N, C-alpha and C. Protein backbone atom coordinates (compact mmCIF):
# COMPACT_ATOMS: atom_id res chain seq x y z
N MET A 1 -5.68 20.88 15.56
CA MET A 1 -4.99 19.60 15.73
C MET A 1 -5.87 18.64 16.50
N THR A 2 -5.90 17.41 16.04
CA THR A 2 -6.61 16.39 16.78
C THR A 2 -5.69 15.81 17.84
N PRO A 3 -6.22 15.13 18.84
CA PRO A 3 -5.36 14.58 19.90
C PRO A 3 -4.23 13.69 19.38
N LYS A 4 -4.48 12.90 18.36
CA LYS A 4 -3.41 12.01 17.89
C LYS A 4 -2.32 12.77 17.15
N ASP A 5 -2.57 14.04 16.77
CA ASP A 5 -1.58 14.84 16.07
C ASP A 5 -0.79 15.76 16.99
N THR A 6 -1.03 15.67 18.27
CA THR A 6 -0.32 16.53 19.20
C THR A 6 1.13 16.09 19.31
N PRO A 7 2.02 17.01 19.56
CA PRO A 7 3.45 16.66 19.67
C PRO A 7 3.66 15.54 20.69
N GLY A 8 4.46 14.56 20.30
CA GLY A 8 4.78 13.45 21.18
C GLY A 8 3.85 12.27 21.06
N SER A 9 2.71 12.43 20.37
CA SER A 9 1.80 11.30 20.23
C SER A 9 2.07 10.58 18.91
N PRO A 10 1.76 9.30 18.86
CA PRO A 10 1.99 8.57 17.60
C PRO A 10 1.02 9.04 16.53
N ALA A 11 1.50 9.21 15.34
CA ALA A 11 0.66 9.62 14.22
C ALA A 11 0.64 8.52 13.17
N ASP A 12 -0.34 8.58 12.31
CA ASP A 12 -0.41 7.61 11.22
C ASP A 12 0.74 7.82 10.25
N THR A 13 1.19 6.72 9.68
CA THR A 13 2.18 6.76 8.62
C THR A 13 1.44 6.66 7.30
N ARG A 14 1.73 7.56 6.40
CA ARG A 14 1.07 7.57 5.10
C ARG A 14 2.06 7.22 4.01
N LEU A 15 1.70 6.23 3.19
CA LEU A 15 2.50 5.85 2.04
C LEU A 15 1.68 6.15 0.80
N VAL A 16 2.24 6.91 -0.11
CA VAL A 16 1.57 7.24 -1.36
C VAL A 16 2.40 6.67 -2.49
N PHE A 17 1.77 5.80 -3.27
CA PHE A 17 2.44 5.18 -4.41
C PHE A 17 1.85 5.72 -5.69
N ASP A 18 2.65 6.45 -6.44
CA ASP A 18 2.27 6.88 -7.77
C ASP A 18 2.93 5.91 -8.74
N GLN A 19 2.27 5.63 -9.81
CA GLN A 19 2.78 4.68 -10.82
C GLN A 19 3.00 3.29 -10.21
N PHE A 20 2.01 2.84 -9.46
CA PHE A 20 2.08 1.54 -8.81
C PHE A 20 2.27 0.41 -9.82
N GLU A 21 1.90 0.67 -11.09
CA GLU A 21 2.05 -0.36 -12.13
C GLU A 21 3.51 -0.78 -12.31
N GLU A 22 4.44 0.04 -11.86
CA GLU A 22 5.84 -0.33 -11.96
C GLU A 22 6.17 -1.56 -11.13
N LEU A 23 5.30 -1.88 -10.17
CA LEU A 23 5.47 -3.12 -9.42
C LEU A 23 5.42 -4.31 -10.38
N TYR A 24 4.65 -4.19 -11.44
CA TYR A 24 4.50 -5.27 -12.41
C TYR A 24 5.46 -5.16 -13.58
N THR A 25 5.88 -3.96 -13.90
CA THR A 25 6.77 -3.80 -15.05
C THR A 25 8.24 -3.92 -14.67
N LEU A 26 8.60 -3.56 -13.44
CA LEU A 26 10.00 -3.58 -13.03
C LEU A 26 10.35 -4.75 -12.13
N CYS A 27 9.39 -5.24 -11.37
CA CYS A 27 9.64 -6.36 -10.46
C CYS A 27 9.24 -7.65 -11.18
N GLN A 28 10.20 -8.46 -11.50
CA GLN A 28 9.94 -9.69 -12.27
C GLN A 28 9.61 -10.89 -11.39
N GLY A 29 9.94 -10.83 -10.11
CA GLY A 29 9.74 -11.98 -9.24
C GLY A 29 8.36 -11.99 -8.59
N LEU A 30 7.57 -13.02 -8.90
CA LEU A 30 6.23 -13.13 -8.33
C LEU A 30 6.28 -13.20 -6.81
N ALA A 31 7.20 -13.96 -6.26
CA ALA A 31 7.29 -14.11 -4.81
C ALA A 31 7.59 -12.77 -4.14
N GLU A 32 8.53 -12.03 -4.68
CA GLU A 32 8.89 -10.72 -4.12
C GLU A 32 7.70 -9.76 -4.20
N ARG A 33 7.01 -9.76 -5.32
CA ARG A 33 5.86 -8.88 -5.51
C ARG A 33 4.74 -9.25 -4.53
N THR A 34 4.52 -10.54 -4.35
CA THR A 34 3.46 -10.99 -3.45
C THR A 34 3.75 -10.60 -2.00
N VAL A 35 4.98 -10.75 -1.56
CA VAL A 35 5.35 -10.36 -0.20
C VAL A 35 5.13 -8.87 -0.01
N PHE A 36 5.52 -8.06 -0.98
CA PHE A 36 5.37 -6.61 -0.90
C PHE A 36 3.89 -6.22 -0.79
N VAL A 37 3.06 -6.78 -1.66
CA VAL A 37 1.63 -6.45 -1.65
C VAL A 37 0.98 -6.94 -0.36
N ASP A 38 1.33 -8.13 0.08
CA ASP A 38 0.78 -8.64 1.34
C ASP A 38 1.10 -7.72 2.50
N GLN A 39 2.30 -7.16 2.53
CA GLN A 39 2.66 -6.23 3.60
C GLN A 39 1.84 -4.95 3.50
N LEU A 40 1.59 -4.47 2.30
CA LEU A 40 0.74 -3.28 2.14
C LEU A 40 -0.68 -3.56 2.61
N LEU A 41 -1.16 -4.76 2.32
CA LEU A 41 -2.53 -5.11 2.71
C LEU A 41 -2.71 -5.19 4.22
N GLU A 42 -1.64 -5.29 4.96
CA GLU A 42 -1.73 -5.27 6.43
C GLU A 42 -2.33 -3.96 6.93
N ALA A 43 -2.31 -2.93 6.11
CA ALA A 43 -2.88 -1.64 6.51
C ALA A 43 -4.39 -1.73 6.71
N ARG A 44 -5.00 -2.81 6.21
CA ARG A 44 -6.45 -2.99 6.40
C ARG A 44 -6.79 -3.33 7.85
N ASN A 45 -5.82 -3.77 8.61
CA ASN A 45 -6.04 -4.10 10.01
C ASN A 45 -6.53 -2.84 10.73
N PRO A 46 -7.67 -2.91 11.43
CA PRO A 46 -8.21 -1.71 12.09
C PRO A 46 -7.26 -1.04 13.08
N THR A 47 -6.32 -1.79 13.63
CA THR A 47 -5.39 -1.20 14.59
C THR A 47 -4.13 -0.64 13.93
N SER A 48 -4.01 -0.84 12.64
CA SER A 48 -2.82 -0.36 11.92
C SER A 48 -2.81 1.16 11.85
N ARG A 49 -1.63 1.73 11.96
CA ARG A 49 -1.48 3.17 11.83
C ARG A 49 -0.93 3.51 10.45
N LEU A 50 -0.94 2.53 9.57
CA LEU A 50 -0.46 2.71 8.21
C LEU A 50 -1.62 3.03 7.29
N ARG A 51 -1.48 4.08 6.50
CA ARG A 51 -2.47 4.48 5.50
C ARG A 51 -1.79 4.42 4.14
N VAL A 52 -2.41 3.72 3.20
CA VAL A 52 -1.80 3.51 1.88
C VAL A 52 -2.72 4.08 0.80
N VAL A 53 -2.13 4.86 -0.10
CA VAL A 53 -2.82 5.39 -1.26
C VAL A 53 -2.05 4.92 -2.48
N ILE A 54 -2.77 4.31 -3.42
CA ILE A 54 -2.12 3.75 -4.61
C ILE A 54 -2.74 4.40 -5.85
N ALA A 55 -1.88 4.85 -6.74
CA ALA A 55 -2.32 5.37 -8.04
C ALA A 55 -1.69 4.49 -9.12
N THR A 56 -2.53 4.00 -10.00
CA THR A 56 -2.03 3.14 -11.07
C THR A 56 -2.83 3.38 -12.35
N ARG A 57 -2.25 3.05 -13.45
CA ARG A 57 -2.94 3.19 -14.73
C ARG A 57 -4.09 2.17 -14.80
N ALA A 58 -5.16 2.55 -15.47
CA ALA A 58 -6.34 1.71 -15.56
C ALA A 58 -6.05 0.36 -16.22
N ASP A 59 -5.10 0.33 -17.14
CA ASP A 59 -4.82 -0.94 -17.81
C ASP A 59 -4.09 -1.92 -16.90
N PHE A 60 -3.78 -1.54 -15.68
CA PHE A 60 -3.16 -2.46 -14.71
C PHE A 60 -4.12 -2.85 -13.59
N TYR A 61 -5.38 -2.42 -13.65
CA TYR A 61 -6.34 -2.81 -12.61
C TYR A 61 -6.42 -4.33 -12.50
N GLY A 62 -6.46 -5.01 -13.61
CA GLY A 62 -6.54 -6.47 -13.59
C GLY A 62 -5.38 -7.10 -12.87
N ARG A 63 -4.20 -6.54 -13.06
CA ARG A 63 -3.01 -7.07 -12.38
C ARG A 63 -3.15 -6.89 -10.86
N CYS A 64 -3.70 -5.75 -10.46
CA CYS A 64 -3.90 -5.51 -9.02
C CYS A 64 -4.89 -6.50 -8.43
N LEU A 65 -5.87 -6.92 -9.22
CA LEU A 65 -6.88 -7.86 -8.74
C LEU A 65 -6.29 -9.25 -8.51
N GLU A 66 -5.09 -9.50 -8.98
CA GLU A 66 -4.45 -10.79 -8.74
C GLU A 66 -4.18 -11.02 -7.25
N HIS A 67 -4.26 -9.96 -6.47
CA HIS A 67 -3.90 -10.03 -5.05
C HIS A 67 -5.11 -10.05 -4.14
N LEU A 68 -6.29 -10.36 -4.68
CA LEU A 68 -7.47 -10.47 -3.83
C LEU A 68 -7.32 -11.65 -2.90
N ASP A 69 -7.81 -11.46 -1.68
CA ASP A 69 -7.80 -12.61 -0.76
C ASP A 69 -9.14 -12.80 -0.14
């Protein structure tokens, strides 16, 4: 165990998204989708304890690139 994994210490939160393309097929609202993706992108902050793993079909890579900043 590493020090951050010891009982009582804060640990990283891990979110794993399988079939992330459903964000584009099921969520019709651009504003809602943008807010959701922006919140996920907050994990890039070096002090964030959030770790995000996304799995999506290759034919949706272009859609994911819509969120570049």
